[in-house]
Amino acid sequence: MNAQVVTSKLDEIRNHSRHLWNRRNDASQTRLAASVDRLVDQMQKRYDISRDRAELTVSRFLDQYDHKVYDLVASLPGDLDRRVIRYPWATIATTLGLGLLVGFIIRPSH
């Protein structure tokens, strides 16, 4: 194989990966939008408010949550924020492990 063939194959693989990633992202965004829509419906029914008011309330809550998470990540020491972005599954596993450990420590004894 010459360099052009290898480059062509790599471009094919890269394009296919992008296509799969975009399709996966689209499905995730659709599920997220459906969850937000359900939350708006529940708020509207529970508090007997208009749909616009429920959407505004959910939107404000999500914005506040987003800002809190951003501020928390920005305050991490060193380059920990970049490590979390680079190794998300390791971060999730570590957090899960710490959560289980804390749960075992603080659980009530029988």
C-alpha atoms as a PDB file:
ATOM      1  CA  MET A   1       0.000   0.000   0.000  1.00  0.00           C
ATOM      2  CA  ASN A   2       1.183   3.444  -0.761  1.00  0.00           C
ATOM      3  CA  ALA A   3       0.704   6.534   1.370  1.00  0.00           C
ATOM      4  CA  GLN A   4      -2.306   7.770  -0.635  1.00  0.00           C
ATOM      5  CA  VAL A   5      -4.213   4.535  -0.086  1.00  0.00           C
ATOM      6  CA  VAL A   6      -3.479   4.594   3.655  1.00  0.00           C
ATOM      7  CA  THR A   7      -4.528   8.242   3.890  1.00  0.00           C
ATOM      8  CA  SER A   8      -7.702   7.491   1.956  1.00  0.00           C
ATOM      9  CA  LYS A   9      -8.559   4.575   4.262  1.00  0.00           C
ATOM     10  CA  LEU A  10      -7.903   6.694   7.356  1.00  0.00           C
ATOM     11  CA  ASP A  11     -10.179   9.424   5.998  1.00  0.00           C
ATOM     12  CA  GLU A  12     -12.877   6.816   5.353  1.00  0.00           C
ATOM     13  CA  ILE A  13     -12.586   5.511   8.907  1.00  0.00           C
ATOM     14  CA  ARG A  14     -12.615   9.042  10.346  1.00  0.00           C
ATOM     15  CA  ASN A  15     -15.732   9.987   8.361  1.00  0.00           C
ATOM     16  CA  HIS A  16     -17.506   6.792   9.378  1.00  0.00           C
ATOM     17  CA  SER A  17     -16.635   7.419  13.040  1.00  0.00           C
ATOM     18  CA  ARG A  18     -17.957  10.976  12.822  1.00  0.00           C
ATOM     19  CA  HIS A  19     -21.175   9.678  11.280  1.00  0.00           C
ATOM     20  CA  LEU A  20     -21.641   7.131  14.086  1.00  0.00           C
ATOM     21  CA  TRP A  21     -20.819   9.724  16.761  1.00  0.00           C
ATOM     22  CA  ASN A  22     -23.280  12.249  15.306  1.00  0.00           C
ATOM     23  CA  ARG A  23     -25.997   9.597  15.150  1.00  0.00           C
ATOM     24  CA  ARG A  24     -25.314   8.667  18.771  1.00  0.00           C
ATOM     25  CA  ASN A  25     -25.389  12.333  19.800  1.00  0.00           C
ATOM     26  CA  ASP A  26     -28.679  12.856  17.958  1.00  0.00           C
ATOM     27  CA  ALA A  27     -30.263   9.945  19.852  1.00  0.00           C
ATOM     28  CA  SER A  28     -28.962  11.293  23.179  1.00  0.00           C
ATOM     29  CA  GLN A  29     -30.298  14.763  22.444  1.00  0.00           C
ATOM     30  CA  THR A  30     -33.688  13.312  21.497  1.00  0.00           C
ATOM     31  CA  ARG A  31     -33.870  11.359  24.781  1.00  0.00           C
ATOM     32  CA  LEU A  32     -32.803  14.423  26.762  1.00  0.00           C
ATOM     33  CA  ALA A  33     -35.396  16.611  25.057  1.00  0.00           C
ATOM     34  CA  ALA A  34     -38.086  14.015  25.838  1.00  0.00           C
ATOM     35  CA  SER A  35     -37.012  13.966  29.502  1.00  0.00           C
ATOM     36  CA  VAL A  36     -37.158  17.745  29.739  1.00  0.00           C
ATOM     37  CA  ASP A  37     -40.559  17.694  28.068  1.00  0.00           C
ATOM     38  CA  ARG A  38     -41.826  15.152  30.623  1.00  0.00           C
ATOM     39  CA  LEU A  39     -40.472  17.322  33.442  1.00  0.00           C
ATOM     40  CA  VAL A  40     -42.291  20.355  32.041  1.00  0.00           C
ATOM     41  CA  ASP A  41     -45.518  18.321  31.764  1.00  0.00           C
ATOM     42  CA  GLN A  42     -45.209  17.113  35.367  1.00  0.00           C
ATOM     43  CA  MET A  43     -44.570  20.629  36.672  1.00  0.00           C
ATOM     44  CA  GLN A  44     -47.504  21.965  34.698  1.00  0.00           C
ATOM     45  CA  LYS A  45     -49.862  19.317  36.135  1.00  0.00           C
ATOM     46  CA  ARG A  46     -48.543  19.318  39.702  1.00  0.00           C
ATOM     47  CA  TYR A  47     -48.474  23.080  40.196  1.00  0.00           C
ATOM     48  CA  ASP A  48     -51.351  23.903  37.843  1.00  0.00           C
ATOM     49  CA  ILE A  49     -49.355  26.468  35.874  1.00  0.00           C
ATOM     50  CA  SER A  50     -49.213  27.320  32.188  1.00  0.00           C
ATOM     51  CA  ARG A  51     -46.907  25.453  29.860  1.00  0.00           C
ATOM     52  CA  ASP A  52     -44.872  28.609  29.200  1.00  0.00           C
ATOM     53  CA  ARG A  53     -44.373  29.174  32.925  1.00  0.00           C
ATOM     54  CA  ALA A  54     -43.313  25.539  33.450  1.00  0.00           C
ATOM     55  CA  GLU A  55     -40.860  25.733  30.531  1.00  0.00           C
ATOM     56  CA  LEU A  56     -39.392  28.948  31.907  1.00  0.00           C
ATOM     57  CA  THR A  57     -38.998  27.437  35.379  1.00  0.00           C
ATOM     58  CA  VAL A  58     -37.277  24.308  34.029  1.00  0.00           C
ATOM     59  CA  SER A  59     -35.057  26.414  31.786  1.00  0.00           C
ATOM     60  CA  ARG A  60     -33.966  28.609  34.697  1.00  0.00           C
ATOM     61  CA  PHE A  61     -33.257  25.578  36.859  1.00  0.00           C
ATOM     62  CA  LEU A  62     -31.149  23.936  34.143  1.00  0.00           C
ATOM     63  CA  ASP A  63     -29.253  27.192  33.572  1.00  0.00           C
ATOM     64  CA  GLN A  64     -28.504  27.511  37.300  1.00  0.00           C
ATOM     65  CA  TYR A  65     -27.386  23.886  37.427  1.00  0.00           C
ATOM     66  CA  ASP A  66     -25.186  24.378  34.374  1.00  0.00           C
ATOM     67  CA  HIS A  67     -23.518  27.428  35.918  1.00  0.00           C
ATOM     68  CA  LYS A  68     -22.926  25.610  39.207  1.00  0.00           C
ATOM     69  CA  VAL A  69     -21.278  22.680  37.438  1.00  0.00           C
ATOM     70  CA  TYR A  70     -19.172  25.028  35.307  1.00  0.00           C
ATOM     71  CA  ASP A  71     -18.043  26.979  38.386  1.00  0.00           C
ATOM     72  CA  LEU A  72     -17.210  23.755  40.207  1.00  0.00           C
ATOM     73  CA  VAL A  73     -15.121  22.450  37.314  1.00  0.00           C
ATOM     74  CA  ALA A  74     -13.381  25.801  36.908  1.00  0.00           C
ATOM     75  CA  SER A  75     -12.397  25.756  40.594  1.00  0.00           C
ATOM     76  CA  LEU A  76     -10.721  22.340  40.417  1.00  0.00           C
ATOM     77  CA  PRO A  77      -7.027  22.406  41.257  1.00  0.00           C
ATOM     78  CA  GLY A  78      -4.402  22.056  38.558  1.00  0.00           C
ATOM     79  CA  ASP A  79      -5.453  20.469  35.311  1.00  0.00           C
ATOM     80  CA  LEU A  80      -8.026  18.167  36.885  1.00  0.00           C
ATOM     81  CA  ASP A  81     -10.767  19.604  34.690  1.00  0.00           C
ATOM     82  CA  ARG A  82      -8.838  18.576  31.569  1.00  0.00           C
ATOM     83  CA  ARG A  83      -8.275  15.101  33.011  1.00  0.00           C
ATOM     84  CA  VAL A  84     -11.976  14.696  33.686  1.00  0.00           C
ATOM     85  CA  ILE A  85     -12.737  15.649  30.090  1.00  0.00           C
ATOM     86  CA  ARG A  86      -9.998  13.382  28.746  1.00  0.00           C
ATOM     87  CA  TYR A  87     -10.893  10.350  30.918  1.00  0.00           C
ATOM     88  CA  PRO A  88     -14.640  10.526  31.593  1.00  0.00           C
ATOM     89  CA  TRP A  89     -15.140   6.808  32.292  1.00  0.00           C
ATOM     90  CA  ALA A  90     -12.319   6.753  34.823  1.00  0.00           C
ATOM     91  CA  THR A  91     -13.912   9.756  36.511  1.00  0.00           C
ATOM     92  CA  ILE A  92     -17.314   8.062  36.606  1.00  0.00           C
ATOM     93  CA  ALA A  93     -15.832   4.831  37.993  1.00  0.00           C
ATOM     94  CA  THR A  94     -13.857   6.712  40.654  1.00  0.00           C
ATOM     95  CA  THR A  95     -16.906   8.720  41.688  1.00  0.00           C
ATOM     96  CA  LEU A  96     -19.033   5.585  41.852  1.00  0.00           C
ATOM     97  CA  GLY A  97     -16.408   3.841  43.980  1.00  0.00           C
ATOM     98  CA  LEU A  98     -16.168   6.777  46.367  1.00  0.00           C
ATOM     99  CA  GLY A  99     -19.950   6.959  46.594  1.00  0.00           C
ATOM    100  CA  LEU A 100     -20.181   3.265  47.487  1.00  0.00           C
ATOM    101  CA  LEU A 101     -17.435   3.642  50.079  1.00  0.00           C
ATOM    102  CA  VAL A 102     -19.168   6.602  51.713  1.00  0.00           C
ATOM    103  CA  GLY A 103     -22.456   4.698  51.602  1.00  0.00           C
ATOM    104  CA  PHE A 104     -20.950   1.741  53.448  1.00  0.00           C
ATOM    105  CA  ILE A 105     -19.327   4.010  56.011  1.00  0.00           C
ATOM    106  CA  ILE A 106     -22.431   6.035  56.874  1.00  0.00           C
ATOM    107  CA  ARG A 107     -25.065   3.303  56.580  1.00  0.00           C
ATOM    108  CA  PRO A 108     -26.985   2.583  59.734  1.00  0.00           C
ATOM    109  CA  SER A 109     -25.927  -0.536  61.608  1.00  0.00           C
ATOM    110  CA  HIS A 110     -28.516  -3.206  62.379  1.00  0.00           C
END
